[in-house]
Amino acid sequence: MPKRIYIHPDSPCTGEQWMQKIVSFHKLKLTNNVSDRHGFTILNSMHKYQPRFHLICSSELHRLPFAPYRSFAFAETQFVAVTAYQNERITQLKIDHNPFAKGFRESGGGGRSSKKMFVEL
């Protein structure tokens, strides 16, 4: 079992409960800050990642490291973490869907004067 995992807020649930609705990870927070103390998932810019899903059979959170589990990876979920976007459409998606993308906004703390834009993940 990995040292740092994201426990879905709907956990624990039975398989039947998971199948009743879309499983969303919109509450998962990513950062490139290796000193993070908020429990965010730490990524390195320009590194390729393959998310893995661990289904753990346990009714007690403190027993997760010792509980039986199965891991699943889907090739289509691979991605490369970046801190700069070269495509304006991607930048606009970031602005529209990420409330923490302050550096991109016209009124935000970061300027829009340079062609390259940098943000913290």
PDB file of N, CA and C in Angstrom:
ATOM      1  N   MET A   1       0.849  -1.180   0.000  1.00  0.00           N
ATOM      2  CA  MET A   1       0.000   0.000   0.000  1.00  0.00           C
ATOM      3  C   MET A   1       0.894   1.243   0.000  1.00  0.00           C
ATOM      4  N   PRO A   2       0.584   2.240  -0.853  1.00  0.00           N
ATOM      5  CA  PRO A   2       1.394   3.467  -0.873  1.00  0.00           C
ATOM      6  C   PRO A   2       1.346   4.196   0.473  1.00  0.00           C
ATOM      7  N   LYS A   3       2.403   4.976   0.768  1.00  0.00           N
ATOM      8  CA  LYS A   3       2.454   5.711   2.036  1.00  0.00           C
ATOM      9  C   LYS A   3       1.400   6.804   2.096  1.00  0.00           C
ATOM     10  N   ARG A   4       1.188   7.482   0.987  1.00  0.00           N
ATOM     11  CA  ARG A   4       0.251   8.609   0.977  1.00  0.00           C
ATOM     12  C   ARG A   4      -0.853   8.309  -0.023  1.00  0.00           C
ATOM     13  N   ILE A   5      -2.055   8.094   0.487  1.00  0.00           N
ATOM     14  CA  ILE A   5      -3.180   7.776  -0.390  1.00  0.00           C
ATOM     15  C   ILE A   5      -4.302   8.788  -0.189  1.00  0.00           C
ATOM     16  N   TYR A   6      -5.154   8.877  -1.184  1.00  0.00           N
ATOM     17  CA  TYR A   6      -6.342   9.726  -1.110  1.00  0.00           C
ATOM     18  C   TYR A   6      -7.520   8.817  -0.809  1.00  0.00           C
ATOM     19  N   ILE A   7      -8.179   9.059   0.295  1.00  0.00           N
ATOM     20  CA  ILE A   7      -9.363   8.269   0.642  1.00  0.00           C
ATOM     21  C   ILE A   7     -10.578   9.041   0.161  1.00  0.00           C
ATOM     22  N   HIS A   8     -11.337   8.441  -0.725  1.00  0.00           N
ATOM     23  CA  HIS A   8     -12.503   9.102  -1.308  1.00  0.00           C
ATOM     24  C   HIS A   8     -13.492   9.488  -0.211  1.00  0.00           C
ATOM     25  N   PRO A   9     -14.056  10.714  -0.292  1.00  0.00           N
ATOM     26  CA  PRO A   9     -14.969  11.169   0.768  1.00  0.00           C
ATOM     27  C   PRO A   9     -16.235  10.326   0.917  1.00  0.00           C
ATOM     28  N   ASP A  10     -16.610   9.563  -0.103  1.00  0.00           N
ATOM     29  CA  ASP A  10     -17.786   8.696   0.003  1.00  0.00           C
ATOM     30  C   ASP A  10     -17.455   7.348   0.643  1.00  0.00           C
ATOM     31  N   SER A  11     -16.203   7.121   0.972  1.00  0.00           N
ATOM     32  CA  SER A  11     -15.790   5.854   1.573  1.00  0.00           C
ATOM     33  C   SER A  11     -16.204   5.814   3.034  1.00  0.00           C
ATOM     34  N   PRO A  12     -16.436   4.650   3.559  1.00  0.00           N
ATOM     35  CA  PRO A  12     -16.526   3.362   2.873  1.00  0.00           C
ATOM     36  C   PRO A  12     -17.905   3.146   2.264  1.00  0.00           C
ATOM     37  N   CYS A  13     -17.939   2.358   1.212  1.00  0.00           N
ATOM     38  CA  CYS A  13     -19.188   1.991   0.532  1.00  0.00           C
ATOM     39  C   CYS A  13     -19.063   0.571   0.011  1.00  0.00           C
ATOM     40  N   THR A  14     -20.194  -0.028  -0.218  1.00  0.00           N
ATOM     41  CA  THR A  14     -20.204  -1.348  -0.851  1.00  0.00           C
ATOM     42  C   THR A  14     -20.053  -1.153  -2.358  1.00  0.00           C
ATOM     43  N   GLY A  15     -19.711  -2.209  -3.056  1.00  0.00           N
ATOM     44  CA  GLY A  15     -19.627  -2.151  -4.518  1.00  0.00           C
ATOM     45  C   GLY A  15     -20.939  -1.712  -5.133  1.00  0.00           C
ATOM     46  N   GLU A  16     -22.033  -2.183  -4.578  1.00  0.00           N
ATOM     47  CA  GLU A  16     -23.359  -1.797  -5.085  1.00  0.00           C
ATOM     48  C   GLU A  16     -23.567  -0.289  -4.958  1.00  0.00           C
ATOM     49  N   GLN A  17     -23.148   0.285  -3.841  1.00  0.00           N
ATOM     50  CA  GLN A  17     -23.290   1.732  -3.645  1.00  0.00           C
ATOM     51  C   GLN A  17     -22.412   2.525  -4.613  1.00  0.00           C
ATOM     52  N   TRP A  18     -21.186   2.040  -4.868  1.00  0.00           N
ATOM     53  CA  TRP A  18     -20.298   2.731  -5.812  1.00  0.00           C
ATOM     54  C   TRP A  18     -20.892   2.732  -7.218  1.00  0.00           C
ATOM     55  N   MET A  19     -21.595   1.674  -7.569  1.00  0.00           N
ATOM     56  CA  MET A  19     -22.141   1.543  -8.927  1.00  0.00           C
ATOM     57  C   MET A  19     -23.392   2.394  -9.147  1.00  0.00           C
ATOM     58  N   GLN A  20     -23.976   2.959  -8.110  1.00  0.00           N
ATOM     59  CA  GLN A  20     -25.227   3.710  -8.242  1.00  0.00           C
ATOM     60  C   GLN A  20     -25.040   5.121  -8.782  1.00  0.00           C
ATOM     61  N   LYS A  21     -23.832   5.673  -8.700  1.00  0.00           N
ATOM     62  CA  LYS A  21     -23.616   7.045  -9.176  1.00  0.00           C
ATOM     63  C   LYS A  21     -22.188   7.206  -9.696  1.00  0.00           C
ATOM     64  N   ILE A  22     -21.946   8.321 -10.347  1.00  0.00           N
ATOM     65  CA  ILE A  22     -20.614   8.622 -10.862  1.00  0.00           C
ATOM     66  C   ILE A  22     -19.669   8.838  -9.683  1.00  0.00           C
ATOM     67  N   VAL A  23     -18.479   8.282  -9.781  1.00  0.00           N
ATOM     68  CA  VAL A  23     -17.467   8.473  -8.749  1.00  0.00           C
ATOM     69  C   VAL A  23     -16.597   9.655  -9.193  1.00  0.00           C
ATOM     70  N   SER A  24     -16.657  10.733  -8.435  1.00  0.00           N
ATOM     71  CA  SER A  24     -15.945  11.964  -8.787  1.00  0.00           C
ATOM     72  C   SER A  24     -14.754  12.178  -7.856  1.00  0.00           C
ATOM     73  N   PHE A  25     -13.684  12.710  -8.416  1.00  0.00           N
ATOM     74  CA  PHE A  25     -12.491  13.017  -7.630  1.00  0.00           C
ATOM     75  C   PHE A  25     -12.235  14.525  -7.605  1.00  0.00           C
ATOM     76  N   HIS A  26     -13.295  15.329  -7.717  1.00  0.00           N
ATOM     77  CA  HIS A  26     -13.132  16.780  -7.762  1.00  0.00           C
ATOM     78  C   HIS A  26     -12.618  17.368  -6.445  1.00  0.00           C
ATOM     79  N   LYS A  27     -12.704  16.629  -5.366  1.00  0.00           N
ATOM     80  CA  LYS A  27     -12.200  17.135  -4.078  1.00  0.00           C
ATOM     81  C   LYS A  27     -10.722  16.796  -3.855  1.00  0.00           C
ATOM     82  N   LEU A  28     -10.147  15.993  -4.733  1.00  0.00           N
ATOM     83  CA  LEU A  28      -8.729  15.648  -4.631  1.00  0.00           C
ATOM     84  C   LEU A  28      -7.899  16.888  -4.936  1.00  0.00           C
ATOM     85  N   LYS A  29      -7.007  17.251  -4.053  1.00  0.00           N
ATOM     86  CA  LYS A  29      -6.172  18.439  -4.221  1.00  0.00           C
ATOM     87  C   LYS A  29      -4.750  18.025  -4.580  1.00  0.00           C
ATOM     88  N   LEU A  30      -4.207  18.675  -5.604  1.00  0.00           N
ATOM     89  CA  LEU A  30      -2.852  18.399  -6.075  1.00  0.00           C
ATOM     90  C   LEU A  30      -1.959  19.592  -5.767  1.00  0.00           C
ATOM     91  N   THR A  31      -0.683  19.316  -5.535  1.00  0.00           N
ATOM     92  CA  THR A  31       0.280  20.388  -5.292  1.00  0.00           C
ATOM     93  C   THR A  31       1.644  19.964  -5.808  1.00  0.00           C
ATOM     94  N   ASN A  32       2.508  20.940  -6.049  1.00  0.00           N
ATOM     95  CA  ASN A  32       3.905  20.635  -6.358  1.00  0.00           C
ATOM     96  C   ASN A  32       4.800  21.043  -5.187  1.00  0.00           C
ATOM     97  N   ASN A  33       4.196  21.336  -4.054  1.00  0.00           N
ATOM     98  CA  ASN A  33       4.910  21.744  -2.850  1.00  0.00           C
ATOM     99  C   ASN A  33       5.275  20.504  -2.033  1.00  0.00           C
ATOM    100  N   VAL A  34       6.560  20.147  -2.030  1.00  0.00           N
ATOM    101  CA  VAL A  34       6.988  18.930  -1.324  1.00  0.00           C
ATOM    102  C   VAL A  34       6.899  19.071   0.193  1.00  0.00           C
ATOM    103  N   SER A  35       6.732  20.292   0.679  1.00  0.00           N
ATOM    104  CA  SER A  35       6.587  20.526   2.121  1.00  0.00           C
ATOM    105  C   SER A  35       5.124  20.584   2.546  1.00  0.00           C
ATOM    106  N   ASP A  36       4.230  20.154   1.676  1.00  0.00           N
ATOM    107  CA  ASP A  36       2.794  20.232   1.949  1.00  0.00           C
ATOM    108  C   ASP A  36       2.440  19.558   3.267  1.00  0.00           C
ATOM    109  N   ARG A  37       1.647  20.244   4.057  1.00  0.00           N
ATOM    110  CA  ARG A  37       1.186  19.707   5.335  1.00  0.00           C
ATOM    111  C   ARG A  37      -0.333  19.617   5.380  1.00  0.00           C
ATOM    112  N   HIS A  38      -0.970  19.738   4.221  1.00  0.00           N
ATOM    113  CA  HIS A  38      -2.433  19.712   4.165  1.00  0.00           C
ATOM    114  C   HIS A  38      -2.976  18.366   3.686  1.00  0.00           C
ATOM    115  N   GLY A  39      -2.095  17.422   3.382  1.00  0.00           N
ATOM    116  CA  GLY A  39      -2.549  16.122   2.903  1.00  0.00           C
ATOM    117  C   GLY A  39      -2.838  16.083   1.416  1.00  0.00           C
ATOM    118  N   PHE A  40      -2.392  17.119   0.678  1.00  0.00           N
ATOM    119  CA  PHE A  40      -2.596  17.135  -0.767  1.00  0.00           C
ATOM    120  C   PHE A  40      -1.715  16.067  -1.410  1.00  0.00           C
ATOM    121  N   THR A  41      -2.061  15.670  -2.618  1.00  0.00           N
ATOM    122  CA  THR A  41      -1.245  14.732  -3.379  1.00  0.00           C
ATOM    123  C   THR A  41      -0.134  15.522  -4.062  1.00  0.00           C
ATOM    124  N   ILE A  42       1.109  15.141  -3.830  1.00  0.00           N
ATOM    125  CA  ILE A  42       2.259  15.880  -4.354  1.00  0.00           C
ATOM    126  C   ILE A  42       2.673  15.313  -5.711  1.00  0.00           C
ATOM    127  N   LEU A  43       2.783  16.212  -6.697  1.00  0.00           N
ATOM    128  CA  LEU A  43       3.227  15.851  -8.038  1.00  0.00           C
ATOM    129  C   LEU A  43       4.440  16.691  -8.406  1.00  0.00           C
ATOM    130  N   ASN A  44       5.258  16.167  -9.305  1.00  0.00           N
ATOM    131  CA  ASN A  44       6.399  16.910  -9.838  1.00  0.00           C
ATOM    132  C   ASN A  44       6.091  17.331 -11.261  1.00  0.00           C
ATOM    133  N   SER A  45       6.347  18.596 -11.567  1.00  0.00           N
ATOM    134  CA  SER A  45       6.098  19.105 -12.908  1.00  0.00           C
ATOM    135  C   SER A  45       6.931  18.334 -13.935  1.00  0.00           C
ATOM    136  N   MET A  46       6.332  18.109 -15.083  1.00  0.00           N
ATOM    137  CA  MET A  46       6.946  17.412 -16.217  1.00  0.00           C
ATOM    138  C   MET A  46       7.229  15.933 -15.929  1.00  0.00           C
ATOM    139  N   HIS A  47       6.547  15.358 -14.974  1.00  0.00           N
ATOM    140  CA  HIS A  47       6.623  13.928 -14.706  1.00  0.00           C
ATOM    141  C   HIS A  47       5.324  13.282 -15.165  1.00  0.00           C
ATOM    142  N   LYS A  48       5.438  12.061 -15.654  1.00  0.00           N
ATOM    143  CA  LYS A  48       4.263  11.312 -16.104  1.00  0.00           C
ATOM    144  C   LYS A  48       3.719  10.501 -14.928  1.00  0.00           C
ATOM    145  N   TYR A  49       2.399  10.490 -14.813  1.00  0.00           N
ATOM    146  CA  TYR A  49       1.746   9.777 -13.716  1.00  0.00           C
ATOM    147  C   TYR A  49       0.701   8.808 -14.239  1.00  0.00           C
ATOM    148  N   GLN A  50       0.530   7.736 -13.498  1.00  0.00           N
ATOM    149  CA  GLN A  50      -0.477   6.731 -13.792  1.00  0.00           C
ATOM    150  C   GLN A  50      -1.286   6.529 -12.515  1.00  0.00           C
ATOM    151  N   PRO A  51      -2.480   7.119 -12.433  1.00  0.00           N
ATOM    152  CA  PRO A  51      -3.299   6.898 -11.232  1.00  0.00           C
ATOM    153  C   PRO A  51      -3.637   5.415 -11.058  1.00  0.00           C
ATOM    154  N   ARG A  52      -3.676   4.995  -9.822  1.00  0.00           N
ATOM    155  CA  ARG A  52      -4.076   3.627  -9.488  1.00  0.00           C
ATOM    156  C   ARG A  52      -5.218   3.693  -8.490  1.00  0.00           C
ATOM    157  N   PHE A  53      -6.151   2.808  -8.653  1.00  0.00           N
ATOM    158  CA  PHE A  53      -7.292   2.718  -7.746  1.00  0.00           C
ATOM    159  C   PHE A  53      -7.110   1.477  -6.895  1.00  0.00           C
ATOM    160  N   HIS A  54      -7.155   1.664  -5.590  1.00  0.00           N
ATOM    161  CA  HIS A  54      -7.014   0.550  -4.660  1.00  0.00           C
ATOM    162  C   HIS A  54      -8.367   0.310  -4.010  1.00  0.00           C
ATOM    163  N   LEU A  55      -8.904  -0.866  -4.212  1.00  0.00           N
ATOM    164  CA  LEU A  55     -10.143  -1.256  -3.540  1.00  0.00           C
ATOM    165  C   LEU A  55      -9.736  -2.057  -2.314  1.00  0.00           C
ATOM    166  N   ILE A  56     -10.079  -1.528  -1.165  1.00  0.00           N
ATOM    167  CA  ILE A  56      -9.625  -2.094   0.099  1.00  0.00           C
ATOM    168  C   ILE A  56     -10.810  -2.657   0.865  1.00  0.00           C
ATOM    169  N   CYS A  57     -10.653  -3.872   1.329  1.00  0.00           N
ATOM    170  CA  CYS A  57     -11.712  -4.526   2.094  1.00  0.00           C
ATOM    171  C   CYS A  57     -11.437  -4.315   3.584  1.00  0.00           C
ATOM    172  N   SER A  58     -12.088  -3.281   4.148  1.00  0.00           N
ATOM    173  CA  SER A  58     -11.900  -2.979   5.566  1.00  0.00           C
ATOM    174  C   SER A  58     -13.051  -2.119   6.054  1.00  0.00           C
ATOM    175  N   SER A  59     -13.463  -2.339   7.266  1.00  0.00           N
ATOM    176  CA  SER A  59     -14.518  -1.506   7.850  1.00  0.00           C
ATOM    177  C   SER A  59     -13.937  -0.499   8.845  1.00  0.00           C
ATOM    178  N   GLU A  60     -12.623  -0.549   9.059  1.00  0.00           N
ATOM    179  CA  GLU A  60     -11.979   0.346  10.019  1.00  0.00           C
ATOM    180  C   GLU A  60     -10.804   1.059   9.353  1.00  0.00           C
ATOM    181  N   LEU A  61     -10.821   2.396   9.366  1.00  0.00           N
ATOM    182  CA  LEU A  61      -9.778   3.180   8.697  1.00  0.00           C
ATOM    183  C   LEU A  61      -8.382   2.898   9.240  1.00  0.00           C
ATOM    184  N   HIS A  62      -8.241   2.692  10.534  1.00  0.00           N
ATOM    185  CA  HIS A  62      -6.912   2.475  11.105  1.00  0.00           C
ATOM    186  C   HIS A  62      -6.307   1.135  10.685  1.00  0.00           C
ATOM    187  N   ARG A  63      -7.116   0.251  10.102  1.00  0.00           N
ATOM    188  CA  ARG A  63      -6.618  -1.054   9.669  1.00  0.00           C
ATOM    189  C   ARG A  63      -6.323  -1.105   8.169  1.00  0.00           C
ATOM    190  N   LEU A  64      -6.478   0.020   7.458  1.00  0.00           N
ATOM    191  CA  LEU A  64      -6.255   0.038   6.010  1.00  0.00           C
ATOM    192  C   LEU A  64      -4.898  -0.527   5.580  1.00  0.00           C
ATOM    193  N   PRO A  65      -3.796  -0.169   6.255  1.00  0.00           N
ATOM    194  CA  PRO A  65      -2.503  -0.696   5.803  1.00  0.00           C
ATOM    195  C   PRO A  65      -2.387  -2.221   5.880  1.00  0.00           C
ATOM    196  N   PHE A  66      -3.241  -2.856   6.652  1.00  0.00           N
ATOM    197  CA  PHE A  66      -3.145  -4.303   6.851  1.00  0.00           C
ATOM    198  C   PHE A  66      -4.276  -5.069   6.166  1.00  0.00           C
ATOM    199  N   ALA A  67      -5.201  -4.360   5.561  1.00  0.00           N
ATOM    200  CA  ALA A  67      -6.380  -4.987   4.955  1.00  0.00           C
ATOM    201  C   ALA A  67      -6.067  -5.495   3.547  1.00  0.00           C
ATOM    202  N   PRO A  68      -6.768  -6.554   3.127  1.00  0.00           N
ATOM    203  CA  PRO A  68      -6.577  -7.040   1.749  1.00  0.00           C
ATOM    204  C   PRO A  68      -7.097  -6.000   0.753  1.00  0.00           C
ATOM    205  N   TYR A  69      -6.402  -5.893  -0.388  1.00  0.00           N
ATOM    206  CA  TYR A  69      -6.827  -4.925  -1.401  1.00  0.00           C
ATOM    207  C   TYR A  69      -6.445  -5.407  -2.798  1.00  0.00           C
ATOM    208  N   ARG A  70      -7.069  -4.802  -3.796  1.00  0.00           N
ATOM    209  CA  ARG A  70      -6.725  -5.031  -5.206  1.00  0.00           C
ATOM    210  C   ARG A  70      -6.493  -3.677  -5.839  1.00  0.00           C
ATOM    211  N   SER A  71      -5.513  -3.606  -6.734  1.00  0.00           N
ATOM    212  CA  SER A  71      -5.185  -2.352  -7.406  1.00  0.00           C
ATOM    213  C   SER A  71      -5.544  -2.435  -8.877  1.00  0.00           C
ATOM    214  N   PHE A  72      -6.009  -1.301  -9.415  1.00  0.00           N
ATOM    215  CA  PHE A  72      -6.394  -1.219 -10.817  1.00  0.00           C
ATOM    216  C   PHE A  72      -5.793   0.042 -11.419  1.00  0.00           C
ATOM    217  N   ALA A  73      -5.262  -0.077 -12.632  1.00  0.00           N
ATOM    218  CA  ALA A  73      -4.730   1.079 -13.364  1.00  0.00           C
ATOM    219  C   ALA A  73      -5.321   1.054 -14.766  1.00  0.00           C
ATOM    220  N   PHE A  74      -5.661   2.222 -15.271  1.00  0.00           N
ATOM    221  CA  PHE A  74      -6.246   2.347 -16.602  1.00  0.00           C
ATOM    222  C   PHE A  74      -5.330   3.241 -17.428  1.00  0.00           C
ATOM    223  N   ALA A  75      -4.790   2.711 -18.520  1.00  0.00           N
ATOM    224  CA  ALA A  75      -3.820   3.437 -19.348  1.00  0.00           C
ATOM    225  C   ALA A  75      -4.338   4.797 -19.800  1.00  0.00           C
ATOM    226  N   GLU A  76      -5.639   4.893 -20.056  1.00  0.00           N
ATOM    227  CA  GLU A  76      -6.199   6.158 -20.555  1.00  0.00           C
ATOM    228  C   GLU A  76      -6.213   7.268 -19.502  1.00  0.00           C
ATOM    229  N   THR A  77      -5.838   6.969 -18.258  1.00  0.00           N
ATOM    230  CA  THR A  77      -5.804   8.005 -17.224  1.00  0.00           C
ATOM    231  C   THR A  77      -4.398   8.562 -16.994  1.00  0.00           C
ATOM    232  N   GLN A  78      -3.415   8.139 -17.793  1.00  0.00           N
ATOM    233  CA  GLN A  78      -2.059   8.670 -17.655  1.00  0.00           C
ATOM    234  C   GLN A  78      -2.047  10.158 -17.989  1.00  0.00           C
ATOM    235  N   PHE A  79      -1.188  10.904 -17.303  1.00  0.00           N
ATOM    236  CA  PHE A  79      -1.063  12.336 -17.586  1.00  0.00           C
ATOM    237  C   PHE A  79       0.326  12.829 -17.187  1.00  0.00           C
ATOM    238  N   VAL A  80       0.687  13.994 -17.706  1.00  0.00           N
ATOM    239  CA  VAL A  80       1.929  14.662 -17.350  1.00  0.00           C
ATOM    240  C   VAL A  80       1.555  15.923 -16.579  1.00  0.00           C
ATOM    241  N   ALA A  81       2.108  16.081 -15.392  1.00  0.00           N
ATOM    242  CA  ALA A  81       1.829  17.272 -14.576  1.00  0.00           C
ATOM    243  C   ALA A  81       2.623  18.451 -15.124  1.00  0.00           C
ATOM    244  N   VAL A  82       1.947  19.589 -15.261  1.00  0.00           N
ATOM    245  CA  VAL A  82       2.606  20.799 -15.762  1.00  0.00           C
ATOM    246  C   VAL A  82       2.252  21.983 -14.873  1.00  0.00           C
ATOM    247  N   THR A  83       3.080  23.027 -14.944  1.00  0.00           N
ATOM    248  CA  THR A  83       2.780  24.267 -14.235  1.00  0.00           C
ATOM    249  C   THR A  83       2.630  25.432 -15.202  1.00  0.00           C
ATOM    250  N   ALA A  84       2.864  25.200 -16.493  1.00  0.00           N
ATOM    251  CA  ALA A  84       2.694  26.250 -17.500  1.00  0.00           C
ATOM    252  C   ALA A  84       1.895  25.678 -18.662  1.00  0.00           C
ATOM    253  N   TYR A  85       0.974  26.467 -19.185  1.00  0.00           N
ATOM    254  CA  TYR A  85       0.136  26.031 -20.297  1.00  0.00           C
ATOM    255  C   TYR A  85       0.483  26.838 -21.538  1.00  0.00           C
ATOM    256  N   GLN A  86       0.659  26.159 -22.664  1.00  0.00           N
ATOM    257  CA  GLN A  86       0.981  26.815 -23.921  1.00  0.00           C
ATOM    258  C   GLN A  86      -0.266  27.046 -24.765  1.00  0.00           C
ATOM    259  N   ASN A  87      -1.386  26.481 -24.360  1.00  0.00           N
ATOM    260  CA  ASN A  87      -2.624  26.551 -25.129  1.00  0.00           C
ATOM    261  C   ASN A  87      -3.631  27.411 -24.364  1.00  0.00           C
ATOM    262  N   GLU A  88      -4.090  28.502 -24.996  1.00  0.00           N
ATOM    263  CA  GLU A  88      -5.027  29.421 -24.337  1.00  0.00           C
ATOM    264  C   GLU A  88      -6.340  28.740 -23.942  1.00  0.00           C
ATOM    265  N   ARG A  89      -6.782  27.752 -24.724  1.00  0.00           N
ATOM    266  CA  ARG A  89      -8.029  27.051 -24.389  1.00  0.00           C
ATOM    267  C   ARG A  89      -7.870  26.261 -23.091  1.00  0.00           C
ATOM    268  N   ILE A  90      -6.706  25.661 -22.906  1.00  0.00           N
ATOM    269  CA  ILE A  90      -6.433  24.931 -21.664  1.00  0.00           C
ATOM    270  C   ILE A  90      -6.362  25.918 -20.497  1.00  0.00           C
ATOM    271  N   THR A  91      -5.725  27.062 -20.726  1.00  0.00           N
ATOM    272  CA  THR A  91      -5.662  28.094 -19.694  1.00  0.00           C
ATOM    273  C   THR A  91      -7.067  28.518 -19.278  1.00  0.00           C
ATOM    274  N   GLN A  92      -7.954  28.710 -20.253  1.00  0.00           N
ATOM    275  CA  GLN A  92      -9.320  29.126 -19.948  1.00  0.00           C
ATOM    276  C   GLN A  92     -10.064  28.044 -19.160  1.00  0.00           C
ATOM    277  N   LEU A  93      -9.842  26.773 -19.502  1.00  0.00           N
ATOM    278  CA  LEU A  93     -10.446  25.676 -18.729  1.00  0.00           C
ATOM    279  C   LEU A  93      -9.984  25.734 -17.276  1.00  0.00           C
ATOM    280  N   LYS A  94      -8.700  26.001 -17.076  1.00  0.00           N
ATOM    281  CA  LYS A  94      -8.146  26.107 -15.725  1.00  0.00           C
ATOM    282  C   LYS A  94      -8.843  27.236 -14.956  1.00  0.00           C
ATOM    283  N   ILE A  95      -9.010  28.377 -15.606  1.00  0.00           N
ATOM    284  CA  ILE A  95      -9.671  29.521 -14.974  1.00  0.00           C
ATOM    285  C   ILE A  95     -11.113  29.183 -14.619  1.00  0.00           C
ATOM    286  N   ASP A  96     -11.819  28.550 -15.548  1.00  0.00           N
ATOM    287  CA  ASP A  96     -13.239  28.256 -15.364  1.00  0.00           C
ATOM    288  C   ASP A  96     -13.518  27.215 -14.291  1.00  0.00           C
ATOM    289  N   HIS A  97     -12.591  26.265 -14.105  1.00  0.00           N
ATOM    290  CA  HIS A  97     -12.881  25.118 -13.240  1.00  0.00           C
ATOM    291  C   HIS A  97     -12.022  25.018 -11.983  1.00  0.00           C
ATOM    292  N   ASN A  98     -11.052  25.911 -11.807  1.00  0.00           N
ATOM    293  CA  ASN A  98     -10.187  25.814 -10.638  1.00  0.00           C
ATOM    294  C   ASN A  98     -10.217  27.122  -9.850  1.00  0.00           C
ATOM    295  N   PRO A  99     -10.902  27.134  -8.704  1.00  0.00           N
ATOM    296  CA  PRO A  99     -10.984  28.365  -7.913  1.00  0.00           C
ATOM    297  C   PRO A  99      -9.634  28.813  -7.357  1.00  0.00           C
ATOM    298  N   PHE A 100      -8.619  27.946  -7.392  1.00  0.00           N
ATOM    299  CA  PHE A 100      -7.304  28.279  -6.867  1.00  0.00           C
ATOM    300  C   PHE A 100      -6.375  28.856  -7.929  1.00  0.00           C
ATOM    301  N   ALA A 101      -6.840  28.995  -9.166  1.00  0.00           N
ATOM    302  CA  ALA A 101      -6.013  29.492 -10.271  1.00  0.00           C
ATOM    303  C   ALA A 101      -5.998  31.018 -10.286  1.00  0.00           C
ATOM    304  N   LYS A 102      -5.645  31.624  -9.167  1.00  0.00           N
ATOM    305  CA  LYS A 102      -5.680  33.083  -9.020  1.00  0.00           C
ATOM    306  C   LYS A 102      -4.745  33.786  -9.998  1.00  0.00           C
ATOM    307  N   GLY A 103      -3.611  33.204 -10.276  1.00  0.00           N
ATOM    308  CA  GLY A 103      -2.625  33.832 -11.145  1.00  0.00           C
ATOM    309  C   GLY A 103      -3.087  34.012 -12.570  1.00  0.00           C
ATOM    310  N   PHE A 104      -4.142  33.317 -12.978  1.00  0.00           N
ATOM    311  CA  PHE A 104      -4.634  33.397 -14.345  1.00  0.00           C
ATOM    312  C   PHE A 104      -5.691  34.474 -14.535  1.00  0.00           C
ATOM    313  N   ARG A 105      -6.364  34.855 -13.472  1.00  0.00           N
ATOM    314  CA  ARG A 105      -7.496  35.766 -13.604  1.00  0.00           C
ATOM    315  C   ARG A 105      -7.034  37.190 -13.864  1.00  0.00           C
ATOM    316  N   GLU A 106      -7.853  37.939 -14.617  1.00  0.00           N
ATOM    317  CA  GLU A 106      -7.542  39.339 -14.935  1.00  0.00           C
ATOM    318  C   GLU A 106      -7.288  40.137 -13.662  1.00  0.00           C
ATOM    319  N   SER A 107      -8.094  39.897 -12.617  1.00  0.00           N
ATOM    320  CA  SER A 107      -7.968  40.649 -11.371  1.00  0.00           C
ATOM    321  C   SER A 107      -7.121  39.926 -10.333  1.00  0.00           C
ATOM    322  N   GLY A 108      -6.555  38.784 -10.708  1.00  0.00           N
ATOM    323  CA  GLY A 108      -5.817  37.956  -9.754  1.00  0.00           C
ATOM    324  C   GLY A 108      -4.454  38.514  -9.406  1.00  0.00           C
ATOM    325  N   GLY A 109      -3.786  37.802  -8.507  1.00  0.00           N
ATOM    326  CA  GLY A 109      -2.483  38.241  -8.036  1.00  0.00           C
ATOM    327  C   GLY A 109      -1.400  38.176  -9.092  1.00  0.00           C
ATOM    328  N   GLY A 110      -1.481  37.232 -10.012  1.00  0.00           N
ATOM    329  CA  GLY A 110      -0.461  37.108 -11.042  1.00  0.00           C
ATOM    330  C   GLY A 110      -0.843  37.889 -12.272  1.00  0.00           C
ATOM    331  N   GLY A 111       0.132  38.401 -12.955  1.00  0.00           N
ATOM    332  CA  GLY A 111      -0.156  39.183 -14.155  1.00  0.00           C
ATOM    333  C   GLY A 111      -0.407  38.309 -15.359  1.00  0.00           C
ATOM    334  N   ARG A 112      -1.142  38.848 -16.325  1.00  0.00           N
ATOM    335  CA  ARG A 112      -1.383  38.143 -17.576  1.00  0.00           C
ATOM    336  C   ARG A 112      -0.538  38.745 -18.688  1.00  0.00           C
ATOM    337  N   SER A 113       0.465  39.533 -18.327  1.00  0.00           N
ATOM    338  CA  SER A 113       1.225  40.252 -19.329  1.00  0.00           C
ATOM    339  C   SER A 113       2.170  39.349 -20.109  1.00  0.00           C
ATOM    340  N   SER A 114       2.693  38.323 -19.507  1.00  0.00           N
ATOM    341  CA  SER A 114       3.628  37.476 -20.226  1.00  0.00           C
ATOM    342  C   SER A 114       2.883  36.373 -20.960  1.00  0.00           C
ATOM    343  N   LYS A 115       3.494  35.877 -22.020  1.00  0.00           N
ATOM    344  CA  LYS A 115       2.862  34.832 -22.825  1.00  0.00           C
ATOM    345  C   LYS A 115       2.802  33.521 -22.044  1.00  0.00           C
ATOM    346  N   LYS A 116       3.881  33.188 -21.327  1.00  0.00           N
ATOM    347  CA  LYS A 116       3.888  31.982 -20.503  1.00  0.00           C
ATOM    348  C   LYS A 116       3.247  32.303 -19.170  1.00  0.00           C
ATOM    349  N   MET A 117       2.360  31.430 -18.729  1.00  0.00           N
ATOM    350  CA  MET A 117       1.699  31.650 -17.446  1.00  0.00           C
ATOM    351  C   MET A 117       2.037  30.501 -16.515  1.00  0.00           C
ATOM    352  N   PHE A 118       2.342  30.829 -15.282  1.00  0.00           N
ATOM    353  CA  PHE A 118       2.724  29.821 -14.318  1.00  0.00           C
ATOM    354  C   PHE A 118       1.739  29.819 -13.163  1.00  0.00           C
ATOM    355  N   VAL A 119       1.414  28.617 -12.686  1.00  0.00           N
ATOM    356  CA  VAL A 119       0.532  28.477 -11.536  1.00  0.00           C
ATOM    357  C   VAL A 119       1.051  27.356 -10.666  1.00  0.00           C
ATOM    358  N   GLU A 120       0.610  27.371  -9.437  1.00  0.00           N
ATOM    359  CA  GLU A 120       0.876  26.239  -8.561  1.00  0.00           C
ATOM    360  C   GLU A 120      -0.230  25.238  -8.745  1.00  0.00           C
ATOM    361  N   LEU A 121       0.121  23.969  -8.800  1.00  0.00           N
ATOM    362  CA  LEU A 121      -0.901  22.930  -8.910  1.00  0.00           C
ATOM    363  C   LEU A 121      -1.574  22.742  -7.593  1.00  0.00           C
TER     364      LEU A 121
END
